[in-house]
C-alpha atoms as a PDB file:
ATOM      1  CA  MET A   1      -9.767   9.576   7.192  1.00  0.00           C
ATOM      2  CA  ASN A   2      -6.414  11.354   8.307  1.00  0.00           C
ATOM      3  CA  ILE A   3      -8.043  10.862  12.031  1.00  0.00           C
ATOM      4  CA  PHE A   4      -8.610   7.750  11.412  1.00  0.00           C
ATOM      5  CA  LEU A   5      -5.135   6.862  10.106  1.00  0.00           C
ATOM      6  CA  TRP A   6      -3.293   8.160  13.057  1.00  0.00           C
ATOM      7  CA  ILE A   7      -5.525   6.326  15.508  1.00  0.00           C
ATOM      8  CA  ILE A   8      -4.783   3.013  13.673  1.00  0.00           C
ATOM      9  CA  GLN A   9      -1.091   4.023  13.375  1.00  0.00           C
ATOM     10  CA  ILE A  10      -0.718   4.564  17.326  1.00  0.00           C
ATOM     11  CA  LEU A  11      -2.899   1.439  18.378  1.00  0.00           C
ATOM     12  CA  LEU A  12      -0.437  -0.396  15.930  1.00  0.00           C
ATOM     13  CA  ALA A  13       2.700   1.168  17.223  1.00  0.00           C
ATOM     14  CA  LEU A  14       1.403   0.128  20.972  1.00  0.00           C
ATOM     15  CA  HIS A  15       0.555  -3.400  19.660  1.00  0.00           C
ATOM     16  CA  THR A  16       3.834  -4.056  18.016  1.00  0.00           C
ATOM     17  CA  LEU A  17       5.836  -2.274  21.310  1.00  0.00           C
ATOM     18  CA  ALA A  18       3.649  -4.589  23.248  1.00  0.00           C
ATOM     19  CA  GLY A  19       4.816  -7.329  21.165  1.00  0.00           C
ATOM     20  CA  ALA A  20       8.375  -6.356  21.469  1.00  0.00           C
ATOM     21  CA  VAL A  21       8.508  -6.274  25.311  1.00  0.00           C
ATOM     22  CA  TRP A  22       6.838  -9.683  25.433  1.00  0.00           C
ATOM     23  CA  LYS A  23       9.452 -11.048  23.134  1.00  0.00           C
ATOM     24  CA  PHE A  24      11.770 -10.430  25.422  1.00  0.00           C
ATOM     25  CA  SER A  25      10.791 -12.489  27.890  1.00  0.00           C
ATOM     26  CA  ASN A  26       9.067 -15.116  26.316  1.00  0.00           C
ATOM     27  CA  SER A  27       9.310 -17.493  23.252  1.00  0.00           C
ATOM     28  CA  GLU A  28       6.488 -18.732  21.137  1.00  0.00           C
ATOM     29  CA  PRO A  29       6.577 -22.890  20.718  1.00  0.00           C
ATOM     30  CA  SER A  30       6.171 -22.790  17.323  1.00  0.00           C
ATOM     31  CA  LEU A  31       8.499 -20.392  16.355  1.00  0.00           C
ATOM     32  CA  LYS A  32      11.348 -22.207  17.808  1.00  0.00           C
ATOM     33  CA  ALA A  33      12.985 -22.697  14.576  1.00  0.00           C
ATOM     34  CA  ILE A  34      14.336 -19.168  15.121  1.00  0.00           C
ATOM     35  CA  PRO A  35      17.247 -18.509  16.922  1.00  0.00           C
ATOM     36  CA  HIS A  36      17.298 -16.673  19.893  1.00  0.00           C
ATOM     37  CA  GLY A  37      19.254 -13.645  18.699  1.00  0.00           C
ATOM     38  CA  VAL A  38      17.322 -13.319  15.852  1.00  0.00           C
ATOM     39  CA  TRP A  39      14.120 -13.407  17.927  1.00  0.00           C
ATOM     40  CA  LEU A  40      15.831 -10.664  19.947  1.00  0.00           C
ATOM     41  CA  ALA A  41      16.792  -8.908  17.000  1.00  0.00           C
ATOM     42  CA  MET A  42      12.922  -8.729  15.553  1.00  0.00           C
ATOM     43  CA  SER A  43      12.063  -7.088  19.103  1.00  0.00           C
ATOM     44  CA  VAL A  44      14.477  -4.299  18.372  1.00  0.00           C
ATOM     45  CA  ILE A  45      13.399  -3.990  15.002  1.00  0.00           C
ATOM     46  CA  GLU A  46       9.632  -3.667  15.952  1.00  0.00           C
ATOM     47  CA  ILE A  47      10.553  -1.024  18.746  1.00  0.00           C
ATOM     48  CA  LEU A  48      11.955   1.107  15.981  1.00  0.00           C
ATOM     49  CA  CYS A  49       9.055   0.557  13.947  1.00  0.00           C
ATOM     50  CA  SER A  50       6.832   1.600  16.840  1.00  0.00           C
ATOM     51  CA  VAL A  51       8.441   4.871  17.016  1.00  0.00           C
ATOM     52  CA  SER A  52       8.679   5.327  13.186  1.00  0.00           C
ATOM     53  CA  LEU A  53       5.089   5.261  13.293  1.00  0.00           C
ATOM     54  CA  VAL A  54       4.339   8.041  15.802  1.00  0.00           C
ATOM     55  CA  LEU A  55       7.466   9.784  14.738  1.00  0.00           C
ATOM     56  CA  PRO A  56       5.636  11.274  11.935  1.00  0.00           C
ATOM     57  CA  ALA A  57       3.498  13.199  14.247  1.00  0.00           C
ATOM     58  CA  PHE A  58       6.061  15.414  15.639  1.00  0.00           C
ATOM     59  CA  ALA A  59       7.784  16.071  12.594  1.00  0.00           C
ATOM     60  CA  LYS A  60       5.874  16.138   9.264  1.00  0.00           C
ATOM     61  CA  SER A  61       8.982  15.815   7.472  1.00  0.00           C
ATOM     62  CA  LEU A  62       9.301  12.189   8.495  1.00  0.00           C
ATOM     63  CA  ASP A  63       5.941  11.084   7.002  1.00  0.00           C
ATOM     64  CA  ILE A  64       7.686   8.133   5.160  1.00  0.00           C
ATOM     65  CA  LEU A  65       8.733   6.479   7.821  1.00  0.00           C
ATOM     66  CA  ALA A  66       5.036   5.231   9.181  1.00  0.00           C
ATOM     67  CA  PRO A  67       4.450   3.244   5.890  1.00  0.00           C
ATOM     68  CA  ILE A  68       7.787   1.970   5.623  1.00  0.00           C
ATOM     69  CA  ALA A  69       7.428   0.754   9.254  1.00  0.00           C
ATOM     70  CA  ALA A  70       3.981  -0.715   8.539  1.00  0.00           C
ATOM     71  CA  ILE A  71       5.532  -2.672   5.894  1.00  0.00           C
ATOM     72  CA  CYS A  72       8.320  -4.125   8.094  1.00  0.00           C
ATOM     73  CA  ILE A  73       5.530  -5.128  10.739  1.00  0.00           C
ATOM     74  CA  ALA A  74       3.399  -6.809   8.295  1.00  0.00           C
ATOM     75  CA  GLY A  75       6.589  -8.665   6.783  1.00  0.00           C
ATOM     76  CA  GLU A  76       7.162  -9.697  10.119  1.00  0.00           C
ATOM     77  CA  MET A  77       3.551 -10.850  10.544  1.00  0.00           C
ATOM     78  CA  LEU A  78       3.764 -12.939   7.781  1.00  0.00           C
ATOM     79  CA  LEU A  79       6.974 -14.432   8.367  1.00  0.00           C
ATOM     80  CA  ASP A  80       5.184 -15.773  11.799  1.00  0.00           C
ATOM     81  CA  CYS A  81       2.489 -17.220   9.812  1.00  0.00           C
ATOM     82  CA  GLY A  82       5.438 -19.111   7.364  1.00  0.00           C
ATOM     83  CA  VAL A  83       7.285 -20.434  10.259  1.00  0.00           C
ATOM     84  CA  ASN A  84       4.112 -21.241  11.967  1.00  0.00           C
ATOM     85  CA  ILE A  85       3.229 -23.297   9.090  1.00  0.00           C
ATOM     86  CA  PHE A  86       6.429 -24.685   8.198  1.00  0.00           C
ATOM     87  CA  SER A  87       7.092 -25.729  12.011  1.00  0.00           C
ATOM     88  CA  GLY A  88       4.131 -28.327  11.345  1.00  0.00           C
ATOM     89  CA  ASN A  89       2.675 -26.822  15.055  1.00  0.00           C
ATOM     90  CA  ILE A  90      -0.013 -24.671  12.897  1.00  0.00           C
ATOM     91  CA  ASN A  91      -2.129 -22.721  15.281  1.00  0.00           C
ATOM     92  CA  PRO A  92      -5.011 -21.383  13.067  1.00  0.00           C
ATOM     93  CA  GLY A  93      -5.577 -18.702  15.891  1.00  0.00           C
ATOM     94  CA  HIS A  94      -2.204 -17.470  15.709  1.00  0.00           C
ATOM     95  CA  LEU A  95      -2.678 -17.594  11.613  1.00  0.00           C
ATOM     96  CA  PHE A  96      -5.749 -15.532  11.617  1.00  0.00           C
ATOM     97  CA  TYR A  97      -4.187 -12.851  14.090  1.00  0.00           C
ATOM     98  CA  TRP A  98      -0.989 -12.500  12.294  1.00  0.00           C
ATOM     99  CA  LEU A  99      -2.765 -12.263   8.721  1.00  0.00           C
ATOM    100  CA  VAL A 100      -5.159  -9.454  10.356  1.00  0.00           C
ATOM    101  CA  VAL A 101      -2.279  -7.455  11.980  1.00  0.00           C
ATOM    102  CA  ALA A 102      -0.871  -7.573   8.175  1.00  0.00           C
ATOM    103  CA  PHE A 103      -3.658  -6.568   6.554  1.00  0.00           C
ATOM    104  CA  ILE A 104      -3.950  -3.625   9.181  1.00  0.00           C
ATOM    105  CA  CYS A 105      -0.384  -2.667   8.294  1.00  0.00           C
ATOM    106  CA  ALA A 106      -1.175  -2.657   4.508  1.00  0.00           C
ATOM    107  CA  LEU A 107      -4.062  -0.282   5.198  1.00  0.00           C
ATOM    108  CA  VAL A 108      -1.926   1.699   7.027  1.00  0.00           C
ATOM    109  CA  ALA A 109       1.137   1.631   4.540  1.00  0.00           C
ATOM    110  CA  TYR A 110      -1.373   2.428   1.802  1.00  0.00           C
ATOM    111  CA  GLY A 111      -2.749   5.634   3.766  1.00  0.00           C
ATOM    112  CA  GLY A 112       0.620   6.753   4.677  1.00  0.00           C
ATOM    113  CA  PHE A 113       2.032   6.485   1.477  1.00  0.00           C
ATOM    114  CA  GLN A 114      -1.052   8.837  -0.074  1.00  0.00           C
ATOM    115  CA  ARG A 115      -0.572  11.175   2.698  1.00  0.00           C
ATOM    116  CA  TRP A 116       3.302  11.466   2.092  1.00  0.00           C
ATOM    117  CA  LYS A 117       2.570  11.763  -1.832  1.00  0.00           C
ATOM    118  CA  ALA A 118      -0.243  14.399  -0.904  1.00  0.00           C
ATOM    119  CA  ALA A 119       2.499  16.580   1.083  1.00  0.00           C
END
């Protein structure tokens, strides 16, 4: 289970890093309600979360960072869902995608907290 969790964490980190890089060069039409500064700040937070997901592999004392980062990413995915719904430009494909990523984040957070408690 531990190997599976690390694989998911690494994939989630790569996914989140790709999303952060994408945010620097693009803007989602349904998310125009988010000011540009906030949009860029979300990119910086995503980069920090990406690093926090893999940092515990190099320093065991930082194990708590992975579940916290996963919770932050899940929160952003749920925020994206809410903004998409309230913008009136509902895209079911985007909603499904964000909810799946939030669910994966919840699994990573749960597994990370279990690993941290066991240490």
